[in-house]
Structure formats: C-alpha cells, structure tokens
Amino acid sequence: MYKLATLEFIKKAKTLKLLSQKTQTTSKIQTFSSIKLLI
C-alpha cells in the first residue's frame, strides 16, 4: 500500500515538474501530508 502511494507521489511530482515548479512544490507538500495521514 505504501509503495503504491509512493509511486503515485513520484508520478504526480514528475508531471507537475513539467507544468510548474511552484505547483510541484505545493503538490509535494499536499501529497506528502496525505501519505502521512494514510500511514
């Protein structure tokens, strides 16, 4: 379960990096917070 969440996080981070560095940073924080809640 944790590995799947990590893969999704990496996938999202890579996609957002192409769009915008600011968006990537914001999403990273939000996604990381979500992963913390799942654990």
PDB file of N, CA and C in Angstrom:
ATOM      1  N   MET A   1       0.843  -1.192   0.000  1.00  0.00           N
ATOM      2  CA  MET A   1       0.000   0.000   0.000  1.00  0.00           C
ATOM      3  C   MET A   1       0.882   1.248   0.000  1.00  0.00           C
ATOM      4  N   TYR A   2       1.897   1.243   0.851  1.00  0.00           N
ATOM      5  CA  TYR A   2       2.806   2.387   0.945  1.00  0.00           C
ATOM      6  C   TYR A   2       3.586   2.580  -0.357  1.00  0.00           C
ATOM      7  N   LYS A   3       3.999   1.468  -0.965  1.00  0.00           N
ATOM      8  CA  LYS A   3       4.764   1.552  -2.217  1.00  0.00           C
ATOM      9  C   LYS A   3       3.915   2.159  -3.326  1.00  0.00           C
ATOM     10  N   LEU A   4       2.637   1.781  -3.383  1.00  0.00           N
ATOM     11  CA  LEU A   4       1.742   2.331  -4.396  1.00  0.00           C
ATOM     12  C   LEU A   4       1.578   3.829  -4.210  1.00  0.00           C
ATOM     13  N   ALA A   5       1.444   4.260  -2.973  1.00  0.00           N
ATOM     14  CA  ALA A   5       1.301   5.687  -2.675  1.00  0.00           C
ATOM     15  C   ALA A   5       2.559   6.444  -3.089  1.00  0.00           C
ATOM     16  N   THR A   6       3.708   5.823  -2.851  1.00  0.00           N
ATOM     17  CA  THR A   6       4.987   6.447  -3.209  1.00  0.00           C
ATOM     18  C   THR A   6       5.109   6.579  -4.724  1.00  0.00           C
ATOM     19  N   LEU A   7       4.699   5.534  -5.449  1.00  0.00           N
ATOM     20  CA  LEU A   7       4.776   5.582  -6.907  1.00  0.00           C
ATOM     21  C   LEU A   7       3.860   6.667  -7.462  1.00  0.00           C
ATOM     22  N   GLU A   8       2.661   6.786  -6.880  1.00  0.00           N
ATOM     23  CA  GLU A   8       1.726   7.825  -7.313  1.00  0.00           C
ATOM     24  C   GLU A   8       2.314   9.200  -7.038  1.00  0.00           C
ATOM     25  N   PHE A   9       2.957   9.334  -5.874  1.00  0.00           N
ATOM     26  CA  PHE A   9       3.588  10.601  -5.481  1.00  0.00           C
ATOM     27  C   PHE A   9       4.669  10.996  -6.485  1.00  0.00           C
ATOM     28  N   ILE A  10       5.509  10.030  -6.850  1.00  0.00           N
ATOM     29  CA  ILE A  10       6.597  10.289  -7.814  1.00  0.00           C
ATOM     30  C   ILE A  10       6.000  10.659  -9.176  1.00  0.00           C
ATOM     31  N   LYS A  11       4.958   9.926  -9.560  1.00  0.00           N
ATOM     32  CA  LYS A  11       4.306  10.181 -10.846  1.00  0.00           C
ATOM     33  C   LYS A  11       3.731  11.594 -10.889  1.00  0.00           C
ATOM     34  N   LYS A  12       3.053  11.979  -9.815  1.00  0.00           N
ATOM     35  CA  LYS A  12       2.475  13.318  -9.741  1.00  0.00           C
ATOM     36  C   LYS A  12       3.565  14.380  -9.730  1.00  0.00           C
ATOM     37  N   ALA A  13       4.612  14.141  -8.962  1.00  0.00           N
ATOM     38  CA  ALA A  13       5.704  15.106  -8.849  1.00  0.00           C
ATOM     39  C   ALA A  13       6.359  15.336 -10.215  1.00  0.00           C
ATOM     40  N   LYS A  14       6.580  14.255 -10.965  1.00  0.00           N
ATOM     41  CA  LYS A  14       7.203  14.382 -12.279  1.00  0.00           C
ATOM     42  C   LYS A  14       6.300  15.151 -13.236  1.00  0.00           C
ATOM     43  N   THR A  15       5.014  14.843 -13.220  1.00  0.00           N
ATOM     44  CA  THR A  15       4.063  15.521 -14.100  1.00  0.00           C
ATOM     45  C   THR A  15       3.992  17.001 -13.788  1.00  0.00           C
ATOM     46  N   LEU A  16       3.905  17.316 -12.499  1.00  0.00           N
ATOM     47  CA  LEU A  16       3.806  18.716 -12.086  1.00  0.00           C
ATOM     48  C   LEU A  16       5.093  19.483 -12.352  1.00  0.00           C
ATOM     49  N   LYS A  17       6.217  18.779 -12.315  1.00  0.00           N
ATOM     50  CA  LYS A  17       7.502  19.434 -12.593  1.00  0.00           C
ATOM     51  C   LYS A  17       7.506  19.991 -14.018  1.00  0.00           C
ATOM     52  N   LEU A  18       6.864  19.275 -14.915  1.00  0.00           N
ATOM     53  CA  LEU A  18       6.791  19.730 -16.299  1.00  0.00           C
ATOM     54  C   LEU A  18       5.891  20.959 -16.414  1.00  0.00           C
ATOM     55  N   LEU A  19       4.882  21.030 -15.560  1.00  0.00           N
ATOM     56  CA  LEU A  19       3.929  22.146 -15.608  1.00  0.00           C
ATOM     57  C   LEU A  19       4.468  23.388 -14.924  1.00  0.00           C
ATOM     58  N   SER A  20       4.894  23.216 -13.657  1.00  0.00           N
ATOM     59  CA  SER A  20       5.351  24.379 -12.900  1.00  0.00           C
ATOM     60  C   SER A  20       6.077  23.972 -11.641  1.00  0.00           C
ATOM     61  N   GLN A  21       7.209  24.622 -11.370  1.00  0.00           N
ATOM     62  CA  GLN A  21       7.989  24.307 -10.166  1.00  0.00           C
ATOM     63  C   GLN A  21       7.206  24.674  -8.911  1.00  0.00           C
ATOM     64  N   LYS A  22       6.500  25.799  -8.948  1.00  0.00           N
ATOM     65  CA  LYS A  22       5.706  26.230  -7.793  1.00  0.00           C
ATOM     66  C   LYS A  22       4.594  25.237  -7.510  1.00  0.00           C
ATOM     67  N   THR A  23       3.920  24.806  -8.569  1.00  0.00           N
ATOM     68  CA  THR A  23       2.825  23.849  -8.423  1.00  0.00           C
ATOM     69  C   THR A  23       3.361  22.528  -7.876  1.00  0.00           C
ATOM     70  N   GLN A  24       4.539  22.131  -8.350  1.00  0.00           N
ATOM     71  CA  GLN A  24       5.160  20.891  -7.893  1.00  0.00           C
ATOM     72  C   GLN A  24       5.423  20.944  -6.402  1.00  0.00           C
ATOM     73  N   THR A  25       5.992  22.036  -5.946  1.00  0.00           N
ATOM     74  CA  THR A  25       6.327  22.179  -4.531  1.00  0.00           C
ATOM     75  C   THR A  25       5.072  22.123  -3.678  1.00  0.00           C
ATOM     76  N   THR A  26       4.035  22.838  -4.093  1.00  0.00           N
ATOM     77  CA  THR A  26       2.777  22.857  -3.349  1.00  0.00           C
ATOM     78  C   THR A  26       2.170  21.460  -3.309  1.00  0.00           C
ATOM     79  N   SER A  27       2.149  20.787  -4.455  1.00  0.00           N
ATOM     80  CA  SER A  27       1.563  19.457  -4.536  1.00  0.00           C
ATOM     81  C   SER A  27       2.365  18.452  -3.721  1.00  0.00           C
ATOM     82  N   LYS A  28       3.687  18.606  -3.729  1.00  0.00           N
ATOM     83  CA  LYS A  28       4.540  17.708  -2.951  1.00  0.00           C
ATOM     84  C   LYS A  28       4.162  17.775  -1.480  1.00  0.00           C
ATOM     85  N   ILE A  29       3.988  18.988  -0.974  1.00  0.00           N
ATOM     86  CA  ILE A  29       3.635  19.172   0.438  1.00  0.00           C
ATOM     87  C   ILE A  29       2.263  18.558   0.710  1.00  0.00           C
ATOM     88  N   GLN A  30       1.301  18.809  -0.172  1.00  0.00           N
ATOM     89  CA  GLN A  30      -0.046  18.280  -0.001  1.00  0.00           C
ATOM     90  C   GLN A  30      -0.059  16.762  -0.090  1.00  0.00           C
ATOM     91  N   THR A  31       0.654  16.213  -1.075  1.00  0.00           N
ATOM     92  CA  THR A  31       0.691  14.764  -1.254  1.00  0.00           C
ATOM     93  C   THR A  31       1.405  14.090  -0.085  1.00  0.00           C
ATOM     94  N   PHE A  32       2.488  14.698   0.380  1.00  0.00           N
ATOM     95  CA  PHE A  32       3.237  14.154   1.500  1.00  0.00           C
ATOM     96  C   PHE A  32       2.364  14.125   2.750  1.00  0.00           C
ATOM     97  N   SER A  33       1.571  15.175   2.935  1.00  0.00           N
ATOM     98  CA  SER A  33       0.656  15.243   4.077  1.00  0.00           C
ATOM     99  C   SER A  33      -0.386  14.133   3.969  1.00  0.00           C
ATOM    100  N   SER A  34      -0.862  13.894   2.745  1.00  0.00           N
ATOM    101  CA  SER A  34      -1.856  12.844   2.516  1.00  0.00           C
ATOM    102  C   SER A  34      -1.271  11.473   2.830  1.00  0.00           C
ATOM    103  N   ILE A  35      -0.029  11.245   2.408  1.00  0.00           N
ATOM    104  CA  ILE A  35       0.640   9.969   2.668  1.00  0.00           C
ATOM    105  C   ILE A  35       0.812   9.777   4.176  1.00  0.00           C
ATOM    106  N   LYS A  36       1.159  10.839   4.884  1.00  0.00           N
ATOM    107  CA  LYS A  36       1.326  10.767   6.336  1.00  0.00           C
ATOM    108  C   LYS A  36       0.020  10.342   6.992  1.00  0.00           C
ATOM    109  N   LEU A  37      -1.101  10.846   6.469  1.00  0.00           N
ATOM    110  CA  LEU A  37      -2.411  10.506   7.025  1.00  0.00           C
ATOM    111  C   LEU A  37      -2.738   9.033   6.785  1.00  0.00           C
ATOM    112  N   LEU A  38      -2.273   8.500   5.651  1.00  0.00           N
ATOM    113  CA  LEU A  38      -2.546   7.105   5.317  1.00  0.00           C
ATOM    114  C   LEU A  38      -1.788   6.127   6.216  1.00  0.00           C
ATOM    115  N   ILE A  39      -0.615   6.541   6.663  1.00  0.00           N
ATOM    116  CA  ILE A  39       0.228   5.651   7.469  1.00  0.00           C
ATOM    117  C   ILE A  39      -0.347   5.507   8.877  1.00  0.00           C
TER     118      ILE A  39
END
